[in-house]
Protein backbone atom coordinates (compact mmCIF):
# COMPACT_ATOMS: atom_id res chain seq x y z
CA UNK A 1 94.05 73.71 108.40
CA UNK A 2 91.85 74.83 105.50
CA UNK A 3 91.32 72.01 102.96
CA UNK A 4 92.35 74.21 100.00
CA UNK A 5 95.49 75.27 101.81
CA UNK A 6 96.36 71.63 102.51
CA UNK A 7 95.78 70.72 98.84
CA UNK A 8 97.82 73.67 97.54
CA UNK A 9 100.69 73.02 99.95
CA UNK A 10 100.95 69.39 98.88
CA UNK A 11 101.37 70.37 95.21
CA UNK A 12 104.02 72.12 93.16
CA UNK A 13 105.23 75.68 93.59
CA UNK A 14 105.61 78.32 90.90
CA UNK A 15 107.36 81.66 90.42
CA UNK A 16 105.72 85.04 89.97
CA UNK A 17 106.46 84.80 86.22
CA UNK A 18 104.83 81.38 85.97
CA UNK A 19 101.82 82.62 87.95
CA UNK A 20 101.50 85.59 85.59
CA UNK A 21 101.51 83.23 82.59
CA UNK A 22 98.86 80.97 84.14
CA UNK A 23 96.65 83.92 85.09
CA UNK A 24 97.31 85.75 81.80
CA UNK A 25 98.29 88.93 83.63
CA UNK A 26 101.54 90.84 84.15
CA UNK A 27 104.08 89.97 86.83
CA UNK A 28 103.27 93.31 88.43
CA UNK A 29 99.60 92.29 88.68
CA UNK A 30 100.65 89.07 90.44
CA UNK A 31 102.80 91.12 92.85
CA UNK A 32 99.77 93.32 93.60
CA UNK A 33 97.65 90.20 94.22
CA UNK A 34 100.30 89.05 96.70
CA UNK A 35 100.36 92.43 98.46
CA UNK A 36 96.53 92.45 98.69
CA UNK A 37 96.61 88.95 100.17
CA UNK A 38 94.78 87.37 97.22
CA UNK A 39 97.71 84.97 96.68
CA UNK A 40 100.03 83.41 99.24
CA UNK A 41 103.75 83.85 98.53
CA UNK A 42 107.02 83.42 100.38
CA UNK A 43 110.71 84.10 99.65
CA UNK A 44 112.42 81.39 97.58
CA UNK A 45 115.45 81.81 99.86
CA UNK A 46 115.51 83.51 103.27
CA UNK A 47 115.76 87.26 102.77
CA UNK A 48 115.52 86.92 99.00
CA UNK A 49 113.41 88.98 96.63
CA UNK A 50 112.20 86.10 94.44
CA UNK A 51 108.84 84.77 95.61
CA UNK A 52 107.28 81.33 95.31
CA UNK A 53 103.55 80.63 95.18
CA UNK A 54 101.42 77.51 95.31
CA UNK A 55 100.63 76.58 91.71
CA UNK A 56 97.33 75.02 92.80
CA UNK A 57 96.11 78.30 94.26
CA UNK A 58 97.13 80.15 91.10
CA UNK A 59 95.31 77.60 88.89
CA UNK A 60 92.21 77.77 91.10
CA UNK A 61 92.22 81.56 90.80
CA UNK A 62 92.54 81.31 87.00
CA UNK A 63 89.64 78.84 86.84
CA UNK A 64 87.48 81.12 89.01
CA UNK A 65 88.29 84.11 86.76
CA UNK A 66 87.32 82.10 83.65
CA UNK A 67 84.07 80.97 85.27
CA UNK A 68 83.24 84.57 86.22
CA UNK A 69 83.97 85.78 82.68
CA UNK A 70 81.65 83.11 81.26
CA UNK A 71 78.94 84.01 83.77
CA UNK A 72 79.17 87.69 82.87
CA UNK A 73 79.20 86.91 79.16
CA UNK A 74 76.02 84.85 79.48
CA UNK A 75 74.40 87.60 81.51
CA UNK A 76 75.25 90.18 78.82
CA UNK A 77 74.05 87.83 76.10
CA UNK A 78 70.67 87.36 77.76
CA UNK A 79 70.35 91.03 78.70
CA UNK A 80 71.24 92.55 75.35
CA UNK A 81 70.44 89.68 72.94
CA UNK A 82 73.77 90.12 71.14
CA UNK A 83 73.77 86.57 69.83
């Protein structure tokens, strides 16, 4: 089993709404991430519409997005000398 998957699965779960808040995106964006396979999700109850996600995976994705934004900002700063 992948080490990240093991770590995520041993932690708390969150809803699509909570994932959207953590990622600072809409619930619909989270649903698209699930459909693309970017986030793992499963029904909260068998046959149900409400999905659960691993909060650890969501937080890791948010941290990676922040790191990428910082990297791009630094690249723009050095390229264009804005600051």
